[in-house]
N, C-alpha and C. Protein backbone atom coordinates (compact mmCIF):
# COMPACT_ATOMS: atom_id res chain seq x y z
N MET A 1 -31.85 7.28 -15.11
CA MET A 1 -30.85 6.00 -16.04
C MET A 1 -30.68 5.41 -14.27
N ARG A 2 -29.92 3.58 -15.53
CA ARG A 2 -29.51 2.44 -14.63
C ARG A 2 -28.48 2.39 -14.88
N VAL A 3 -27.90 2.55 -12.98
CA VAL A 3 -26.96 2.33 -12.92
C VAL A 3 -26.15 0.67 -12.82
N ARG A 4 -25.28 0.77 -13.79
CA ARG A 4 -25.19 -0.61 -13.30
C ARG A 4 -23.65 -1.38 -11.95
N LYS A 5 -23.75 -2.22 -11.89
CA LYS A 5 -22.67 -2.63 -11.16
C LYS A 5 -21.29 -2.19 -11.80
N GLN A 6 -21.09 -2.95 -12.86
CA GLN A 6 -20.44 -2.62 -12.89
C GLN A 6 -19.73 -1.30 -13.13
N HIS A 7 -20.18 -0.60 -13.54
CA HIS A 7 -19.39 1.11 -13.48
C HIS A 7 -19.74 1.86 -11.79
N LEU A 8 -19.95 1.24 -11.02
CA LEU A 8 -19.78 1.72 -9.92
C LEU A 8 -18.98 1.01 -8.88
N PHE A 9 -18.87 -0.66 -9.77
CA PHE A 9 -17.09 -1.04 -9.22
C PHE A 9 -15.98 -0.22 -10.21
N PHE A 10 -16.31 0.28 -11.22
CA PHE A 10 -15.49 1.35 -11.85
C PHE A 10 -14.48 2.38 -12.00
N ALA A 11 -16.20 2.97 -10.48
CA ALA A 11 -15.95 4.14 -9.91
C ALA A 11 -15.19 4.75 -9.11
N SER A 12 -15.43 3.32 -7.92
CA SER A 12 -14.75 3.08 -6.83
C SER A 12 -13.95 2.73 -6.74
N LEU A 13 -13.08 1.48 -7.63
CA LEU A 13 -11.64 1.70 -7.76
C LEU A 13 -10.57 2.39 -8.61
N SER A 14 -11.85 3.40 -8.67
CA SER A 14 -10.90 4.70 -9.70
C SER A 14 -10.73 5.83 -8.29
N ILE A 15 -11.62 5.57 -7.51
CA ILE A 15 -11.70 6.92 -6.55
C ILE A 15 -10.13 6.60 -5.91
N TRP A 16 -10.41 4.77 -5.22
CA TRP A 16 -9.55 3.88 -4.57
C TRP A 16 -7.94 4.26 -5.34
N GLY A 17 -8.19 3.86 -6.66
CA GLY A 17 -6.43 3.91 -6.66
C GLY A 17 -5.91 5.75 -6.72
N CYS A 18 -7.16 6.47 -6.65
CA CYS A 18 -6.47 8.28 -6.25
C CYS A 18 -6.17 8.15 -5.64
N ALA A 19 -6.98 7.70 -4.68
CA ALA A 19 -6.89 7.95 -3.19
C ALA A 19 -5.15 7.59 -2.81
N SER A 20 -5.72 6.14 -3.24
CA SER A 20 -4.21 5.73 -2.13
C SER A 20 -2.62 5.63 -2.87
N TRP A 21 -2.52 5.91 -4.04
CA TRP A 21 -1.36 6.50 -4.68
C TRP A 21 -1.26 7.73 -4.94
N SER A 22 -2.06 8.83 -4.49
CA SER A 22 -1.88 10.34 -4.14
C SER A 22 -1.36 10.39 -3.10
N ILE A 23 -0.30 9.83 -1.64
CA ILE A 23 -0.12 9.31 -1.06
C ILE A 23 1.42 9.72 -0.81
N SER A 24 2.19 9.09 -2.22
CA SER A 24 3.34 9.29 -2.57
C SER A 24 3.89 10.73 -2.56
N PRO A 25 3.44 11.04 -3.73
CA PRO A 25 4.58 12.32 -3.20
C PRO A 25 4.11 13.60 -2.25
N ILE A 26 3.23 12.91 -1.13
CA ILE A 26 3.31 13.83 0.05
C ILE A 26 4.27 13.47 1.37
N VAL A 27 4.12 11.82 1.29
CA VAL A 27 5.43 11.01 1.98
C VAL A 27 6.92 11.63 1.85
N GLN A 28 6.85 11.76 0.42
CA GLN A 28 8.29 12.09 -0.57
C GLN A 28 8.62 13.56 0.03
N SER A 29 7.53 14.84 -0.16
CA SER A 29 8.04 15.98 -0.17
C SER A 29 8.62 16.05 1.65
N ASP A 30 7.49 14.86 2.51
CA ASP A 30 7.57 15.41 4.02
C ASP A 30 9.03 14.57 4.07
N ILE A 31 9.99 13.70 3.39
CA ILE A 31 11.24 12.55 3.69
C ILE A 31 12.12 14.10 3.14
N ALA A 32 11.80 14.70 1.82
CA ALA A 32 12.66 15.91 1.93
C ALA A 32 12.99 17.03 2.64
N ASP A 33 12.05 17.47 3.71
CA ASP A 33 11.75 18.11 4.16
C ASP A 33 12.48 17.95 5.84
N LEU A 34 12.41 17.02 5.99
CA LEU A 34 13.26 15.78 7.30
C LEU A 34 14.60 16.62 7.17
N GLY A 35 15.13 17.44 6.05
CA GLY A 35 16.48 17.40 6.29
C GLY A 35 17.49 16.60 6.14
N ARG A 36 17.64 15.88 6.07
CA ARG A 36 18.83 15.11 5.89
C ARG A 36 19.64 14.42 4.94
N SER A 37 20.51 14.44 5.34
CA SER A 37 21.35 14.39 3.46
C SER A 37 21.30 12.95 3.38
N PRO A 38 21.57 12.67 2.31
CA PRO A 38 21.17 12.74 1.21
C PRO A 38 19.24 12.95 0.90
N SER A 39 18.63 13.47 1.06
CA SER A 39 17.51 12.97 0.97
C SER A 39 16.92 12.28 -0.70
N ASP A 40 17.47 11.96 -1.45
CA ASP A 40 16.96 11.34 -2.37
C ASP A 40 17.38 9.90 -2.84
N ILE A 41 18.37 9.98 -1.66
CA ILE A 41 18.75 8.44 -1.31
C ILE A 41 17.46 7.60 -0.52
N ILE A 42 16.95 8.77 0.59
CA ILE A 42 16.32 8.44 1.46
C ILE A 42 14.63 8.16 0.63
N ILE A 43 14.52 9.26 -0.43
CA ILE A 43 13.81 8.61 -0.71
C ILE A 43 13.38 7.97 -1.85
N GLY A 44 14.59 7.90 -2.74
CA GLY A 44 14.79 6.12 -3.41
C GLY A 44 14.22 4.79 -2.91
N ALA A 45 14.74 5.02 -1.20
CA ALA A 45 14.64 3.32 -0.50
C ALA A 45 13.29 3.97 -0.39
N ASN A 46 12.60 4.84 -0.40
CA ASN A 46 11.66 4.71 0.84
C ASN A 46 10.33 4.36 -0.96
N VAL A 47 10.33 4.62 -2.03
CA VAL A 47 9.36 4.68 -3.17
C VAL A 47 10.09 2.93 -3.15
N THR A 48 11.19 2.61 -2.98
CA THR A 48 11.66 0.85 -3.02
C THR A 48 10.82 0.32 -2.81
N ALA A 49 10.70 0.24 -0.91
CA ALA A 49 9.96 -0.19 -0.12
C ALA A 49 8.90 -0.41 -0.60
N MET A 50 8.06 0.71 -0.87
CA MET A 50 6.55 0.58 -1.21
C MET A 50 6.52 -0.31 -2.44
N HIS A 51 7.11 -0.13 -3.58
CA HIS A 51 7.07 -1.25 -4.57
C HIS A 51 6.95 -2.71 -3.97
N VAL A 52 7.91 -2.54 -3.06
CA VAL A 52 8.29 -4.00 -2.21
C VAL A 52 7.24 -4.69 -1.91
N GLY A 53 6.22 -3.26 -1.62
CA GLY A 53 5.37 -4.04 -0.34
C GLY A 53 4.22 -3.97 -1.58
N VAL A 54 3.81 -3.84 -2.66
CA VAL A 54 3.10 -3.53 -3.87
C VAL A 54 3.31 -4.96 -4.22
N ALA A 55 5.16 -5.41 -4.20
CA ALA A 55 5.22 -6.97 -5.09
C ALA A 55 4.57 -7.62 -4.34
N GLY A 56 4.77 -7.99 -3.03
CA GLY A 56 4.66 -8.71 -2.12
C GLY A 56 3.24 -8.85 -2.37
N GLY A 57 2.18 -8.10 -2.05
CA GLY A 57 1.11 -8.13 -1.81
C GLY A 57 1.04 -9.00 -3.03
N THR A 58 0.91 -8.73 -4.52
CA THR A 58 0.57 -9.67 -5.07
C THR A 58 1.06 -10.71 -5.34
N VAL A 59 2.54 -11.19 -4.47
CA VAL A 59 2.86 -12.51 -4.60
C VAL A 59 1.67 -13.72 -3.86
N VAL A 60 1.95 -12.55 -2.27
CA VAL A 60 0.24 -13.12 -1.50
C VAL A 60 -0.57 -13.41 -1.89
N GLY A 61 -1.26 -12.50 -2.66
CA GLY A 61 -3.13 -12.48 -3.42
C GLY A 61 -2.13 -13.84 -3.93
N GLY A 62 -1.58 -13.37 -5.55
CA GLY A 62 -2.11 -15.32 -6.59
C GLY A 62 -1.61 -15.95 -6.00
N ARG A 63 -0.42 -16.83 -4.52
CA ARG A 63 -0.57 -17.34 -4.09
C ARG A 63 -1.90 -18.00 -3.21
N LEU A 64 -2.42 -17.32 -2.90
CA LEU A 64 -4.52 -17.43 -1.95
C LEU A 64 -4.90 -18.26 -3.52
N ILE A 65 -4.77 -16.87 -4.66
CA ILE A 65 -5.94 -17.43 -5.51
C ILE A 65 -5.73 -18.89 -5.79
N ALA A 66 -3.92 -18.98 -6.24
CA ALA A 66 -4.06 -20.37 -6.93
C ALA A 66 -3.99 -21.80 -6.04
N ASN A 67 -3.86 -21.51 -4.57
CA ASN A 67 -4.12 -22.64 -4.06
C ASN A 67 -5.60 -22.22 -3.05
N TYR A 68 -6.84 -21.60 -3.50
CA TYR A 68 -7.79 -21.53 -2.59
C TYR A 68 -9.00 -21.17 -3.79
N ASP A 69 -9.82 -19.70 -2.82
CA ASP A 69 -10.90 -19.48 -4.08
C ASP A 69 -10.52 -17.21 -3.92
N LEU A 70 -11.08 -16.54 -4.07
CA LEU A 70 -11.10 -15.37 -3.93
C LEU A 70 -11.83 -15.15 -3.22
N SER A 71 -12.16 -16.41 -1.94
CA SER A 71 -13.07 -15.72 -0.59
C SER A 71 -11.90 -15.89 0.73
N VAL A 72 -11.14 -15.87 0.17
CA VAL A 72 -9.94 -15.62 1.42
C VAL A 72 -9.02 -14.57 0.81
N LEU A 73 -9.18 -13.71 -0.75
CA LEU A 73 -8.25 -12.62 -0.63
C LEU A 73 -8.44 -11.30 0.40
N PRO A 74 -9.74 -11.25 1.30
CA PRO A 74 -9.94 -9.75 2.60
C PRO A 74 -9.39 -10.65 3.57
N ILE A 75 -9.04 -12.07 3.88
CA ILE A 75 -8.87 -12.28 5.36
C ILE A 75 -6.92 -12.32 4.67
N GLY A 76 -6.42 -12.39 3.77
CA GLY A 76 -5.11 -12.40 3.30
C GLY A 76 -4.51 -10.80 3.48
N ALA A 77 -5.21 -10.22 2.80
CA ALA A 77 -4.87 -8.58 2.87
C ALA A 77 -5.37 -7.85 4.47
N ALA A 78 -6.14 -8.68 5.18
CA ALA A 78 -6.28 -7.71 6.46
C ALA A 78 -4.94 -8.02 7.02
N GLY A 79 -4.57 -9.67 6.71
CA GLY A 79 -3.20 -10.00 7.91
C GLY A 79 -1.58 -9.23 7.21
N LEU A 80 -2.58 -9.14 5.85
CA LEU A 80 -0.88 -8.12 5.75
C LEU A 80 -1.14 -6.50 6.35
N ALA A 81 -2.13 -5.96 6.54
CA ALA A 81 -2.02 -5.26 6.82
C ALA A 81 -1.73 -4.97 7.75
N ALA A 82 -2.54 -5.71 9.75
CA ALA A 82 -1.90 -6.18 10.49
C ALA A 82 -0.34 -6.09 10.21
N MET A 83 0.26 -6.74 9.87
CA MET A 83 1.39 -6.76 10.21
C MET A 83 2.70 -5.52 8.90
N ALA A 84 1.62 -4.81 8.26
CA ALA A 84 2.23 -3.67 7.93
C ALA A 84 2.09 -2.41 9.38
N LEU A 85 0.85 -2.94 9.80
CA LEU A 85 0.56 -1.67 11.38
C LEU A 85 1.88 -1.95 12.24
N ALA A 86 1.40 -2.83 12.49
CA ALA A 86 2.82 -3.72 13.78
C ALA A 86 3.97 -3.14 13.16
N ALA A 87 4.73 -2.86 12.12
CA ALA A 87 6.09 -2.36 11.18
C ALA A 87 5.96 -1.16 11.92
N ALA A 88 5.31 -0.09 11.33
CA ALA A 88 4.61 1.32 11.76
C ALA A 88 4.74 1.46 13.10
N ILE A 89 3.83 0.66 13.56
CA ILE A 89 3.95 0.89 15.25
C ILE A 89 5.43 0.53 15.66
N LEU A 90 6.12 -0.16 15.38
CA LEU A 90 7.21 -0.75 16.03
C LEU A 90 8.12 0.54 15.88
N SER A 91 8.70 0.91 14.22
CA SER A 91 9.42 1.52 13.81
C SER A 91 9.12 2.71 14.52
N VAL A 92 8.03 3.81 14.86
CA VAL A 92 7.35 4.65 15.31
C VAL A 92 8.37 4.74 16.73
N ARG A 93 7.90 3.58 17.59
CA ARG A 93 8.32 3.65 18.87
C ARG A 93 9.66 3.14 19.28
N THR A 94 10.84 2.95 18.29
CA THR A 94 11.83 2.62 18.35
C THR A 94 12.47 3.83 17.82
N SER A 95 11.88 4.71 16.98
CA SER A 95 12.60 5.69 16.68
C SER A 95 12.60 6.84 17.61
N HIS A 96 12.19 7.11 18.74
CA HIS A 96 11.64 7.87 19.95
C HIS A 96 11.85 7.60 20.92
């Protein structure tokens, strides 16, 4: 049986999608376990921030594709990931 590139791409994309979106319930559970009141508002803010991040990445990706070509997407994604990592590190440092 010959496996086509499209099948491998679809399988890889499916695994990536499941792995990346399965983290949300874990994070929400941890937020609820922190015991801060009201946790529903904090969880809502967390989900909102996640969706704003997805929308922001979509805007950046769309602009890169519109103004350049597909080859610049990994560079843009790496830049966004670096900014997210820096924000996470700064958040942890300021909370301790």
